[in-house]
Amino acid sequence: MADSPLPQWFDGSSYTHKVAASIMKYGPIARITLAQILGLSQGAISRITSDLIYAGVVEETPMTADQTGKLPRGFTTKENGERRGRPQTGLRIITSARTFVGIKLNASLASAVAVNAGGHIITGCHEQAIDDASPEVVVQIIKRLITDCSSEAAMAGWPKPCAAGISIGGHVVNDSVVTFAPFMHWSQPVHLSQMVHAATGLPTGIYNDIDSLLVDACWFGSGVGLSSFAVLTVGVGVGYSLALNGELVNCPDKSYGLVGHILVDPEGPRCVSGHKGCAQCLSDDSIVEEYSHAIGHVVTFADFARDAKANVPQATKLVNRTCFRLGTLVATIANIAMPEKIMIAGESSFIAQLGIDDLRNGINNYRHSQAAPVDFEIPDHDWALWAKAAAAQAIRPKPIPLENGGFYEQFRPYRPRYHARFVTKFLFADRVCMNRRNRTEVPSCIHGYHAKRLPPNRTALHRSSSIRQSARRNLRKKPLSNFRPSDFHDLEQDGLSGVEGRRANAVGLERTAGHLHAFRIPPAERALAIGDVLLDQIETHVKR
């Protein structure tokens, strides 16, 4: 799997990104509820969320039972009847932590908005016509749109965008290279991500537009909490995408418009590939051709849309026929993929709103009488929402895949004797970092990792990642001027005496502390420096 062109906008393990993703989708959410959804212990959730709070990704907020966000369908929180103590606090994403730019490219128009970390649009929709669809000209248009969105966001007091997402109808490889874009008429692969990054200096991801719309719905819209969700689009073309548990169902061929050639009407018109009555009859060009034949002269799609909304008889008849065909396609998707909900979107989705009864008739005609009704929605079309969907692809935390060189998974197995060495370093470092509570937490934490059969090197790295953070959290609580030399000395000696049987490590650390003391480094900064030394030593051993 190739690396994404977008860097993670916060650091952490795959578990950290899973927790952040759940807070983003379900927040505000209590820690106990978060632990039950993810199947993690409350201790693990507390440690991970503490790191996310310190990193400025999430924040705590007061909440009551009726203030929680949308939870997974069918999920029920297991309440503890003996719970005592402080009221629950919720966790939510800090929406002002980052901003992103989303851009939707059409054959003749580019639309852009700025979005905050909570998936909300924070600027107006900036649009620019595309008169020349050559990649170089399109990149300059994108550059102007990003500049406009960034300027408007800055004037409103938002931080500078940290990444951009661009959605396009076609096939995209590795979120960076467009290999098939029929509406842009690009005959060769276009390294659009690299070109935009070079022009704007902003990391940029390129995504299929229907996939982006699906991701936005599953993370910030009506698909949150559903185990399966599908998007069906009608307009210039016909498209489809499916998500399971909030994640896209990926297939190398999914963005070639394959759903457009499913049979929906045996008596329907032929498509350009020669198929009679396939779903391409739902596209704008096919509808215009049918309507022109019905009224006896050539018209445009805008003419048909105007007549349909004005209830012109020929247009109304074609609307009803088209909606029945669309219902047939919706029923086919519901019968095979069985999503909990289907979104019907696209620039021509207004047709479905005009003929909603025929749409339902088409669905029911191909469903069993005892089958559950198909749950679907038809949102109003707005290019700003499509641009927002492109930004959603850039926002969502992406768990680090094991085969993609994730920092916690790429090292070789270790002999058992390394485990004892790392454990003693943890015990010493946590004491030096002035977090006395960790004297009891560290051994239990390590036993917990051992019980889960995590290899020693992963145990070391999971624990070492919190050494610097715990030191800095304590420094924030207690100013440097309030530390006495004896505070550091007591902890240092206590830690050195706890390094059982590892005198070489103890001597090395004592020598480091002595050097820091000789240079009159304040006690708290000495603690932090030793924490850094320990972490470097651990990572050096792990990488060998």
Protein backbone atom coordinates (compact mmCIF):
# COMPACT_ATOMS: atom_id res chain seq x y z
CA MET A 1 0.00 0.00 0.00
CA ALA A 2 1.40 3.34 -1.01
CA ASP A 3 1.68 6.27 1.36
CA SER A 4 -1.05 8.89 1.31
CA PRO A 5 0.01 12.32 0.01
CA LEU A 6 -1.60 13.83 3.12
CA PRO A 7 0.31 13.55 6.42
CA GLN A 8 -1.63 12.74 9.57
CA TRP A 9 -2.63 16.03 11.19
CA PHE A 10 -1.82 14.59 14.61
CA ASP A 11 0.62 11.91 15.78
CA GLY A 12 -0.30 8.64 17.40
CA SER A 13 -0.67 4.90 17.02
CA SER A 14 -3.47 3.19 15.11
CA TYR A 15 -5.42 2.94 18.39
CA THR A 16 -5.07 6.68 18.93
CA HIS A 17 -6.48 7.39 15.48
CA LYS A 18 -9.35 4.94 16.04
CA VAL A 19 -10.27 6.71 19.27
CA ALA A 20 -10.06 10.12 17.60
CA ALA A 21 -12.21 8.87 14.72
CA SER A 22 -14.90 7.63 17.12
CA ILE A 23 -14.91 10.95 18.99
CA MET A 24 -15.21 12.75 15.66
CA LYS A 25 -18.22 10.66 14.62
CA TYR A 26 -20.04 10.19 17.92
CA GLY A 27 -18.96 13.17 20.02
CA PRO A 28 -19.68 14.56 22.46
CA ILE A 29 -19.24 11.15 24.01
CA ALA A 30 -18.33 9.92 27.49
CA ARG A 31 -15.19 7.85 28.03
CA ILE A 32 -17.12 4.86 29.33
CA THR A 33 -19.32 4.84 26.21
CA LEU A 34 -16.26 5.21 23.98
CA ALA A 35 -14.60 2.25 25.71
CA GLN A 36 -17.66 0.07 25.18
CA ILE A 37 -17.95 0.96 21.49
CA LEU A 38 -14.28 0.22 20.77
CA GLY A 39 -13.95 -2.75 23.13
CA LEU A 40 -11.07 -1.15 25.03
CA SER A 41 -10.55 -0.81 28.77
CA GLN A 42 -11.42 2.47 30.45
CA GLY A 43 -7.77 2.78 31.49
CA ALA A 44 -6.61 2.54 27.88
CA ILE A 45 -9.23 5.08 26.78
CA SER A 46 -8.16 7.47 29.55
CA ARG A 47 -4.49 7.28 28.54
CA ILE A 48 -5.22 7.75 24.84
CA THR A 49 -7.67 10.60 25.33
CA SER A 50 -5.24 12.33 27.69
CA ASP A 51 -2.67 12.33 24.92
CA LEU A 52 -5.25 13.66 22.44
CA ILE A 53 -6.25 16.42 24.84
CA TYR A 54 -2.62 17.37 25.38
CA ALA A 55 -2.05 17.38 21.61
CA GLY A 56 -4.95 19.81 21.15
CA VAL A 57 -7.09 17.40 19.11
CA VAL A 58 -10.00 16.82 21.52
CA GLU A 59 -11.41 18.66 24.50
CA GLU A 60 -13.63 17.89 27.47
CA THR A 61 -17.14 19.32 27.73
CA PRO A 62 -19.87 18.98 30.38
CA MET A 63 -22.67 16.69 29.25
CA THR A 64 -25.79 14.92 30.41
CA ALA A 65 -27.32 11.67 29.22
CA ASP A 66 -29.42 13.42 26.57
CA GLN A 67 -26.52 15.46 25.19
CA THR A 68 -24.53 12.61 23.68
CA GLY A 69 -23.90 12.51 19.96
CA LYS A 70 -25.37 10.01 17.53
CA LEU A 71 -24.27 6.50 18.57
CA PRO A 72 -24.11 3.30 16.47
CA ARG A 73 -27.56 1.97 15.66
CA GLY A 74 -28.58 -0.68 18.19
CA PHE A 75 -25.86 0.26 20.67
CA THR A 76 -26.91 0.65 24.31
CA THR A 77 -24.57 2.00 26.95
CA LYS A 78 -24.09 -0.36 29.88
CA GLU A 79 -24.61 1.83 32.91
CA ASN A 80 -22.86 1.14 36.19
CA GLY A 81 -25.50 1.33 38.94
CA GLU A 82 -22.85 1.81 41.61
CA ARG A 83 -21.19 4.76 39.88
CA ARG A 84 -20.19 7.55 42.23
CA GLY A 85 -18.16 10.73 41.95
CA ARG A 86 -18.06 13.60 39.50
CA PRO A 87 -20.63 14.01 36.71
CA GLN A 88 -19.59 12.58 33.37
CA THR A 89 -17.66 14.79 30.99
CA GLY A 90 -17.91 14.38 27.26
CA LEU A 91 -15.16 14.41 24.67
CA ARG A 92 -15.39 16.21 21.35
CA ILE A 93 -13.10 17.29 18.55
CA ILE A 94 -11.71 20.81 18.87
CA THR A 95 -13.23 22.23 15.71
CA SER A 96 -10.84 25.18 15.65
CA ALA A 97 -7.77 22.94 15.83
CA ARG A 98 -7.33 22.75 12.06
CA THR A 99 -8.97 23.92 8.86
CA PHE A 100 -9.06 22.26 5.45
CA VAL A 101 -10.00 23.25 1.91
CA GLY A 102 -12.32 21.08 -0.16
CA ILE A 103 -12.66 21.42 -3.93
CA LYS A 104 -15.07 19.73 -6.35
CA LEU A 105 -14.04 19.62 -10.02
CA ASN A 106 -16.63 19.34 -12.76
CA ALA A 107 -16.20 19.53 -16.51
CA SER A 108 -17.05 23.23 -16.52
CA LEU A 109 -16.93 24.42 -12.90
CA ALA A 110 -14.70 24.24 -9.82
CA SER A 111 -16.25 24.83 -6.39
CA ALA A 112 -14.33 25.30 -3.12
CA VAL A 113 -15.07 25.81 0.58
CA ALA A 114 -13.01 25.90 3.78
CA VAL A 115 -14.02 23.42 6.48
CA ASN A 116 -13.07 23.13 10.16
CA ALA A 117 -11.99 19.94 11.93
CA GLY A 118 -15.60 19.19 12.81
CA GLY A 119 -16.64 19.00 9.17
CA HIS A 120 -18.52 22.33 9.16
CA ILE A 121 -18.25 24.83 6.32
CA ILE A 122 -16.69 28.08 7.60
CA THR A 123 -16.56 30.14 4.40
CA GLY A 124 -18.75 30.87 1.43
CA CYS A 125 -18.61 28.71 -1.67
CA HIS A 126 -16.02 30.05 -4.13
CA GLU A 127 -16.61 29.05 -7.74
CA GLN A 128 -14.75 29.52 -10.98
CA ALA A 129 -15.63 28.39 -14.48
CA ILE A 130 -13.34 25.94 -16.26
CA ASP A 131 -13.04 27.05 -19.88
CA ASP A 132 -9.84 25.10 -20.51
CA ALA A 133 -9.69 21.66 -18.85
CA SER A 134 -5.96 21.10 -19.40
CA PRO A 135 -4.24 20.01 -16.14
CA GLU A 136 -1.99 23.08 -16.00
CA VAL A 137 -4.91 25.50 -16.27
CA VAL A 138 -6.99 23.53 -13.78
CA VAL A 139 -4.12 23.66 -11.25
CA GLN A 140 -4.01 27.47 -11.54
CA ILE A 141 -7.76 27.61 -10.94
CA ILE A 142 -7.34 25.40 -7.88
CA LYS A 143 -4.55 27.66 -6.62
CA ARG A 144 -6.77 30.74 -6.85
CA LEU A 145 -9.64 28.99 -5.09
CA ILE A 146 -7.40 27.81 -2.24
CA THR A 147 -6.03 31.34 -1.84
CA ASP A 148 -9.55 32.79 -1.72
CA CYS A 149 -10.77 30.26 0.84
CA SER A 150 -7.65 30.70 2.99
CA SER A 151 -8.01 34.48 2.98
CA GLU A 152 -11.67 34.37 3.96
CA ALA A 153 -11.00 31.86 6.74
CA ALA A 154 -8.12 33.99 8.08
CA MET A 155 -10.32 37.10 8.11
CA ALA A 156 -12.85 35.20 10.22
CA GLY A 157 -10.15 34.24 12.74
CA TRP A 158 -9.63 30.63 11.68
CA PRO A 159 -6.16 29.06 11.40
CA LYS A 160 -4.49 28.63 8.04
CA PRO A 161 -5.63 25.46 6.18
CA CYS A 162 -3.26 22.56 6.73
CA ALA A 163 -4.37 20.36 3.81
CA ALA A 164 -6.69 20.24 0.82
CA GLY A 165 -8.94 17.55 -0.60
CA ILE A 166 -10.03 17.53 -4.25
CA SER A 167 -12.81 15.31 -5.59
CA ILE A 168 -13.23 14.43 -9.24
CA GLY A 169 -15.38 12.07 -11.25
CA GLY A 170 -13.04 9.31 -12.33
CA HIS A 171 -10.42 6.85 -11.20
CA VAL A 172 -7.71 7.92 -8.75
CA VAL A 173 -4.65 5.89 -7.73
CA ASN A 174 -3.10 6.31 -4.28
CA ASP A 175 -5.10 9.48 -3.62
CA SER A 176 -2.74 11.35 -5.93
CA VAL A 177 -2.80 10.31 -9.62
CA VAL A 178 -5.90 10.67 -11.82
CA THR A 179 -5.82 7.87 -14.39
CA PHE A 180 -9.37 8.17 -15.76
CA ALA A 181 -11.45 11.37 -15.86
CA PRO A 182 -13.96 11.17 -18.74
CA PHE A 183 -15.63 14.50 -17.94
CA MET A 184 -12.29 16.34 -17.89
CA HIS A 185 -11.15 14.62 -21.12
CA TRP A 186 -7.67 13.83 -19.76
CA SER A 187 -6.08 11.25 -22.03
CA GLN A 188 -2.98 10.62 -19.87
CA PRO A 189 -2.50 10.01 -16.13
CA VAL A 190 -2.28 13.33 -14.27
CA HIS A 191 -0.23 13.64 -11.07
CA LEU A 192 -2.68 16.19 -9.74
CA SER A 193 -1.70 15.95 -6.07
CA GLN A 194 1.95 16.66 -6.81
CA MET A 195 1.08 19.52 -9.16
CA VAL A 196 -1.24 21.24 -6.68
CA HIS A 197 1.23 20.78 -3.82
CA ALA A 198 3.98 22.36 -5.91
CA ALA A 199 1.74 25.29 -6.86
CA THR A 200 0.23 25.99 -3.42
CA GLY A 201 2.59 24.42 -0.88
CA LEU A 202 -0.43 22.69 0.65
CA PRO A 203 -0.51 18.87 0.99
CA THR A 204 -3.31 17.70 -1.27
CA GLY A 205 -5.25 14.48 -1.65
CA ILE A 206 -7.25 13.55 -4.76
CA TYR A 207 -10.38 11.43 -4.35
CA ASN A 208 -13.31 10.05 -6.30
CA ASP A 209 -16.26 12.40 -5.86
CA ILE A 210 -18.85 9.73 -5.00
CA ASP A 211 -16.53 8.12 -2.46
CA SER A 212 -16.02 11.55 -0.91
CA LEU A 213 -19.76 12.14 -0.63
CA LEU A 214 -20.09 8.76 1.08
CA VAL A 215 -17.26 9.45 3.54
CA ASP A 216 -18.77 12.81 4.47
CA ALA A 217 -22.16 11.19 5.15
CA CYS A 218 -20.65 8.38 7.25
CA TRP A 219 -18.49 10.73 9.35
CA PHE A 220 -20.53 13.91 9.62
CA GLY A 221 -23.97 13.22 8.14
CA SER A 222 -26.88 10.83 8.01
CA GLY A 223 -24.68 7.74 7.74
CA VAL A 224 -23.11 8.14 11.20
CA GLY A 225 -23.77 5.08 13.35
CA LEU A 226 -25.02 2.88 10.50
CA SER A 227 -23.31 -0.43 9.80
CA SER A 228 -23.85 -0.04 6.04
CA PHE A 229 -24.64 2.98 3.90
CA ALA A 230 -24.78 3.51 0.14
CA VAL A 231 -24.73 6.52 -2.17
CA LEU A 232 -26.34 6.50 -5.62
CA THR A 233 -25.80 9.53 -7.84
CA VAL A 234 -27.56 10.59 -11.04
CA GLY A 235 -26.54 13.43 -13.31
CA VAL A 236 -24.00 13.58 -16.10
CA GLY A 237 -23.32 9.94 -15.20
CA VAL A 238 -24.61 7.29 -12.81
CA GLY A 239 -22.45 6.34 -9.83
CA TYR A 240 -22.56 4.18 -6.71
CA SER A 241 -20.46 3.59 -3.61
CA LEU A 242 -20.88 1.51 -0.45
CA ALA A 243 -19.52 1.80 3.09
CA LEU A 244 -19.44 -0.83 5.83
CA ASN A 245 -19.00 0.32 9.43
CA GLY A 246 -18.13 3.79 8.20
CA GLU A 247 -15.31 2.64 5.91
CA LEU A 248 -15.36 2.55 2.12
CA VAL A 249 -15.66 -0.82 0.40
CA ASN A 250 -12.71 -0.57 -1.96
CA CYS A 251 -12.36 -2.24 -5.33
CA PRO A 252 -9.86 -1.34 -8.09
CA ASP A 253 -12.65 -1.03 -10.66
CA LYS A 254 -15.32 0.73 -8.58
CA SER A 255 -14.87 4.22 -10.07
CA TYR A 256 -15.46 3.19 -13.70
CA GLY A 257 -19.24 3.69 -13.46
CA LEU A 258 -20.04 -0.02 -13.56
CA VAL A 259 -23.46 0.45 -11.93
CA GLY A 260 -24.50 2.48 -14.97
CA HIS A 261 -24.86 -0.68 -17.07
CA ILE A 262 -27.26 -2.62 -14.83
CA LEU A 263 -30.56 -3.39 -16.56
CA VAL A 264 -33.43 -1.24 -15.23
CA ASP A 265 -35.90 -1.20 -18.15
CA PRO A 266 -36.03 -3.87 -20.89
CA GLU A 267 -37.84 -1.38 -23.14
CA GLY A 268 -35.50 1.51 -22.42
CA PRO A 269 -33.13 3.30 -24.81
CA ARG A 270 -29.72 2.01 -25.80
CA CYS A 271 -26.57 3.46 -24.28
CA VAL A 272 -23.37 4.27 -26.19
CA SER A 273 -22.10 0.75 -25.41
CA GLY A 274 -25.13 -0.83 -27.07
CA HIS A 275 -26.92 -1.98 -23.89
CA LYS A 276 -30.69 -1.70 -24.09
CA GLY A 277 -32.41 -0.29 -21.00
CA CYS A 278 -29.35 -0.08 -18.73
CA ALA A 279 -29.03 2.49 -15.95
CA GLN A 280 -27.40 4.96 -18.33
CA CYS A 281 -30.96 5.94 -19.26
CA LEU A 282 -30.93 7.88 -15.96
CA SER A 283 -28.12 10.16 -17.16
CA ASP A 284 -28.77 13.70 -18.38
CA ASP A 285 -27.86 13.03 -22.02
CA SER A 286 -30.20 10.06 -22.26
CA ILE A 287 -33.08 11.99 -20.66
CA VAL A 288 -32.54 14.92 -23.04
CA GLU A 289 -32.56 12.57 -26.03
CA GLU A 290 -35.83 10.95 -24.92
CA TYR A 291 -37.45 14.31 -24.20
CA SER A 292 -36.36 15.76 -27.55
CA HIS A 293 -37.94 12.77 -29.30
CA ALA A 294 -41.16 13.18 -27.26
CA ILE A 295 -41.72 16.85 -28.12
CA GLY A 296 -40.38 16.74 -31.64
CA HIS A 297 -37.40 19.10 -31.47
CA VAL A 298 -33.97 19.28 -29.87
CA VAL A 299 -33.83 20.65 -26.31
CA THR A 300 -31.27 20.95 -23.54
CA PHE A 301 -31.39 19.44 -20.08
CA ALA A 302 -32.15 22.89 -18.66
CA ASP A 303 -35.24 22.99 -20.89
CA PHE A 304 -36.38 19.61 -19.59
CA ALA A 305 -35.77 20.65 -15.95
CA ARG A 306 -37.82 23.82 -16.46
CA ASP A 307 -40.72 21.92 -18.07
CA ALA A 308 -40.64 19.20 -15.42
CA LYS A 309 -40.95 21.74 -12.60
CA ALA A 310 -43.73 23.48 -14.54
CA ASN A 311 -45.67 20.17 -14.87
CA VAL A 312 -45.60 20.11 -18.67
CA PRO A 313 -47.36 16.78 -19.54
CA GLN A 314 -44.57 15.30 -21.72
CA ALA A 315 -41.94 16.23 -19.14
CA THR A 316 -44.05 14.85 -16.27
CA LYS A 317 -44.52 11.56 -18.12
CA LEU A 318 -40.76 11.23 -18.61
CA VAL A 319 -40.14 12.15 -14.95
CA ASN A 320 -42.46 9.34 -13.80
CA ARG A 321 -40.85 6.83 -16.16
CA THR A 322 -37.35 7.88 -15.06
CA CYS A 323 -38.25 7.63 -11.37
CA PHE A 324 -39.64 4.11 -11.82
CA ARG A 325 -36.36 3.12 -13.48
CA LEU A 326 -34.45 4.75 -10.64
CA GLY A 327 -36.57 2.82 -8.13
CA THR A 328 -35.63 -0.39 -9.94
CA LEU A 329 -31.94 0.42 -9.53
CA VAL A 330 -32.42 1.34 -5.86
CA ALA A 331 -34.21 -1.98 -5.28
CA THR A 332 -31.37 -3.86 -6.98
CA ILE A 333 -28.83 -2.22 -4.69
CA ALA A 334 -30.99 -2.86 -1.63
CA ASN A 335 -31.48 -6.53 -2.57
CA ILE A 336 -27.81 -7.26 -3.23
CA ALA A 337 -25.78 -4.96 -0.96
CA MET A 338 -28.51 -4.64 1.73
CA PRO A 339 -27.44 -1.24 3.09
CA GLU A 340 -29.32 0.21 6.03
CA LYS A 341 -29.83 3.45 4.13
CA ILE A 342 -29.33 4.78 0.59
CA MET A 343 -28.65 8.40 -0.34
CA ILE A 344 -29.85 9.47 -3.79
CA ALA A 345 -27.76 12.49 -4.79
CA GLY A 346 -26.38 14.29 -7.82
CA GLU A 347 -27.22 17.32 -9.90
CA SER A 348 -30.30 15.55 -11.34
CA SER A 349 -31.61 14.14 -8.04
CA PHE A 350 -34.42 16.73 -8.13
CA ILE A 351 -36.14 14.38 -10.61
CA ALA A 352 -36.52 11.82 -7.82
CA GLN A 353 -38.13 14.48 -5.63
CA LEU A 354 -40.64 15.32 -8.37
CA GLY A 355 -41.68 11.69 -8.90
CA ILE A 356 -41.32 10.25 -5.40
CA ASP A 357 -44.40 8.01 -5.75
CA ASP A 358 -43.13 6.34 -8.92
CA LEU A 359 -39.75 5.95 -7.26
CA ARG A 360 -41.37 4.00 -4.42
CA ASN A 361 -43.40 1.95 -6.92
CA GLY A 362 -40.22 0.99 -8.74
CA ILE A 363 -38.62 -0.08 -5.47
CA ASN A 364 -41.63 -2.10 -4.29
CA ASN A 365 -42.00 -3.81 -7.66
CA TYR A 366 -38.65 -5.56 -7.16
CA ARG A 367 -38.82 -6.17 -3.39
CA HIS A 368 -40.47 -9.02 -1.49
CA SER A 369 -43.77 -8.00 0.07
CA GLN A 370 -42.51 -8.93 3.55
CA ALA A 371 -39.12 -7.25 3.17
CA ALA A 372 -38.49 -4.12 5.21
CA PRO A 373 -39.08 -0.80 3.42
CA VAL A 374 -35.96 0.66 1.83
CA ASP A 375 -34.73 3.65 3.83
CA PHE A 376 -33.54 6.36 1.46
CA GLU A 377 -33.04 10.13 1.41
CA ILE A 378 -32.79 12.72 -1.36
CA PRO A 379 -30.83 15.78 -0.22
CA ASP A 380 -31.03 19.03 -2.15
CA HIS A 381 -28.16 19.36 -4.59
CA ASP A 382 -25.47 21.90 -3.71
CA TRP A 383 -21.92 21.95 -5.11
CA ALA A 384 -20.73 23.41 -1.80
CA LEU A 385 -21.68 20.14 -0.10
CA TRP A 386 -19.69 18.19 -2.68
CA ALA A 387 -16.68 20.43 -2.01
CA LYS A 388 -17.18 19.89 1.74
CA ALA A 389 -17.19 16.15 1.08
CA ALA A 390 -13.75 16.44 -0.55
CA ALA A 391 -12.47 18.14 2.61
CA ALA A 392 -13.96 15.32 4.73
CA GLN A 393 -11.56 12.91 3.06
CA ALA A 394 -8.64 15.06 4.25
CA ILE A 395 -10.05 15.48 7.77
CA ARG A 396 -10.76 11.92 8.78
CA PRO A 397 -8.05 10.20 10.86
CA LYS A 398 -6.70 7.19 9.02
CA PRO A 399 -5.41 4.28 11.14
CA ILE A 400 -1.81 3.39 10.32
CA PRO A 401 -1.86 0.11 8.32
CA LEU A 402 0.50 -2.62 9.51
CA GLU A 403 1.91 -3.18 6.05
CA ASN A 404 2.44 0.54 5.50
CA GLY A 405 5.44 0.93 7.79
CA GLY A 406 3.48 1.91 10.89
CA PHE A 407 5.98 2.94 13.56
CA TYR A 408 4.65 0.50 16.13
CA GLU A 409 4.61 -2.56 13.87
CA GLN A 410 7.72 -2.51 11.70
CA PHE A 411 10.38 -3.99 14.02
CA ARG A 412 11.68 -7.52 14.41
CA PRO A 413 10.81 -9.80 17.38
CA TYR A 414 12.82 -9.45 20.60
CA ARG A 415 14.42 -11.83 23.01
CA PRO A 416 12.85 -11.88 26.49
CA ARG A 417 15.86 -10.23 28.15
CA TYR A 418 15.10 -6.99 26.30
CA HIS A 419 11.75 -6.87 28.07
CA ALA A 420 13.27 -6.55 31.53
CA ARG A 421 15.62 -3.81 30.31
CA PHE A 422 12.74 -1.76 28.90
CA VAL A 423 10.61 -2.29 32.01
CA THR A 424 13.32 -0.92 34.28
CA LYS A 425 13.79 2.07 32.00
CA PHE A 426 10.09 2.78 32.18
CA LEU A 427 10.06 2.61 35.96
CA PHE A 428 13.01 4.97 36.21
CA ALA A 429 11.86 7.40 33.54
CA ASP A 430 8.38 7.79 34.97
CA ARG A 431 9.81 8.61 38.38
CA VAL A 432 12.24 11.10 36.90
CA CYS A 433 9.37 12.69 35.01
CA MET A 434 7.71 13.50 38.35
CA ASN A 435 4.60 11.46 37.85
CA ARG A 436 4.40 9.47 41.07
CA ARG A 437 1.08 7.93 40.16
CA ASN A 438 2.82 6.03 37.38
CA ARG A 439 4.79 4.04 39.97
CA THR A 440 1.75 1.81 40.28
CA GLU A 441 0.38 2.32 36.79
CA VAL A 442 3.52 1.34 34.87
CA PRO A 443 3.81 -2.24 36.18
CA SER A 444 0.07 -2.83 35.71
CA CYS A 445 0.25 -1.32 32.25
CA ILE A 446 3.11 -3.62 31.25
CA HIS A 447 1.33 -6.66 32.66
CA GLY A 448 -1.71 -5.61 30.64
CA TYR A 449 0.32 -5.51 27.44
CA HIS A 450 1.78 -8.92 28.30
CA ALA A 451 -1.70 -10.36 28.87
CA LYS A 452 -2.71 -9.16 25.41
CA ARG A 453 0.35 -10.94 23.97
CA LEU A 454 1.90 -7.78 22.61
CA PRO A 455 5.57 -8.36 21.74
CA PRO A 456 8.14 -6.66 24.00
CA ASN A 457 9.17 -4.10 21.39
CA ARG A 458 5.59 -2.89 20.97
CA THR A 459 5.18 -2.80 24.76
CA ALA A 460 8.29 -0.62 24.96
CA LEU A 461 7.20 1.79 22.29
CA HIS A 462 3.62 2.10 23.52
CA ARG A 463 4.88 3.05 26.94
CA SER A 464 7.82 5.19 25.82
CA SER A 465 5.57 7.44 23.76
CA SER A 466 4.07 8.85 26.96
CA ILE A 467 7.33 9.61 28.79
CA ARG A 468 7.87 13.06 27.30
CA GLN A 469 4.16 13.86 27.43
CA SER A 470 3.79 13.01 31.11
CA ALA A 471 6.85 15.14 31.87
CA ARG A 472 5.50 18.12 29.97
CA ARG A 473 2.05 17.77 31.50
CA ASN A 474 3.61 17.97 34.95
CA LEU A 475 5.75 20.94 33.94
CA ARG A 476 2.61 22.77 32.90
CA LYS A 477 1.03 22.10 36.28
CA LYS A 478 4.07 23.24 38.26
CA PRO A 479 6.17 26.18 36.97
CA LEU A 480 9.93 25.71 36.75
CA SER A 481 10.54 28.27 39.48
CA ASN A 482 8.57 26.17 41.99
CA PHE A 483 10.84 23.11 41.75
CA ARG A 484 13.46 22.65 44.45
CA PRO A 485 16.69 20.75 43.79
CA SER A 486 15.65 18.20 46.41
CA ASP A 487 12.52 17.38 44.40
CA PHE A 488 14.62 16.18 41.52
CA HIS A 489 17.31 14.57 43.71
CA ASP A 490 14.82 12.44 45.66
CA LEU A 491 13.13 11.19 42.56
CA GLU A 492 16.43 10.59 40.83
CA GLN A 493 17.88 8.51 43.66
CA ASP A 494 14.63 6.61 44.06
CA GLY A 495 14.63 5.81 40.38
CA LEU A 496 18.28 4.76 40.32
CA SER A 497 17.78 2.38 43.20
CA GLY A 498 14.85 0.81 41.39
CA VAL A 499 16.93 -0.25 38.41
CA GLU A 500 17.43 -3.76 39.70
CA GLY A 501 20.48 -5.55 38.42
CA ARG A 502 21.08 -3.03 35.63
CA ARG A 503 23.94 -1.02 37.05
CA ALA A 504 25.27 -0.13 33.60
CA ASN A 505 22.04 1.65 32.79
CA ALA A 506 21.98 3.29 36.20
CA VAL A 507 25.56 4.55 35.86
CA GLY A 508 24.85 5.94 32.40
CA LEU A 509 21.76 7.75 33.55
CA GLU A 510 23.50 9.04 36.67
CA ARG A 511 26.32 10.40 34.50
CA THR A 512 23.74 12.16 32.28
CA ALA A 513 22.08 13.68 35.33
CA GLY A 514 25.48 14.80 36.62
CA HIS A 515 26.31 16.57 33.38
CA LEU A 516 22.99 18.37 33.42
CA HIS A 517 23.54 19.39 37.03
CA ALA A 518 27.05 20.62 36.28
CA PHE A 519 25.69 22.94 33.60
CA ARG A 520 23.16 24.32 36.11
CA ILE A 521 20.16 23.01 34.16
CA PRO A 522 16.98 23.57 36.24
CA PRO A 523 15.65 20.39 37.92
CA ALA A 524 12.48 20.13 35.85
CA GLU A 525 14.39 20.55 32.59
CA ARG A 526 16.86 17.88 33.73
CA ALA A 527 13.92 15.53 34.20
CA LEU A 528 12.65 16.27 30.73
CA ALA A 529 16.11 15.83 29.19
CA ILE A 530 16.56 12.44 30.84
CA GLY A 531 13.15 11.40 29.55
CA ASP A 532 14.35 12.28 26.05
CA VAL A 533 17.58 10.30 26.53
CA LEU A 534 15.61 7.25 27.65
CA LEU A 535 13.24 7.40 24.73
CA ASP A 536 16.12 7.74 22.29
CA GLN A 537 17.84 4.72 23.86
CA ILE A 538 14.67 2.64 23.59
CA GLU A 539 14.10 3.56 19.96
CA THR A 540 17.76 2.87 19.15
CA HIS A 541 17.49 -0.65 20.63
CA VAL A 542 14.20 -1.32 18.85
CA LYS A 543 15.53 -0.30 15.43
CA ARG A 544 18.54 -2.64 15.61
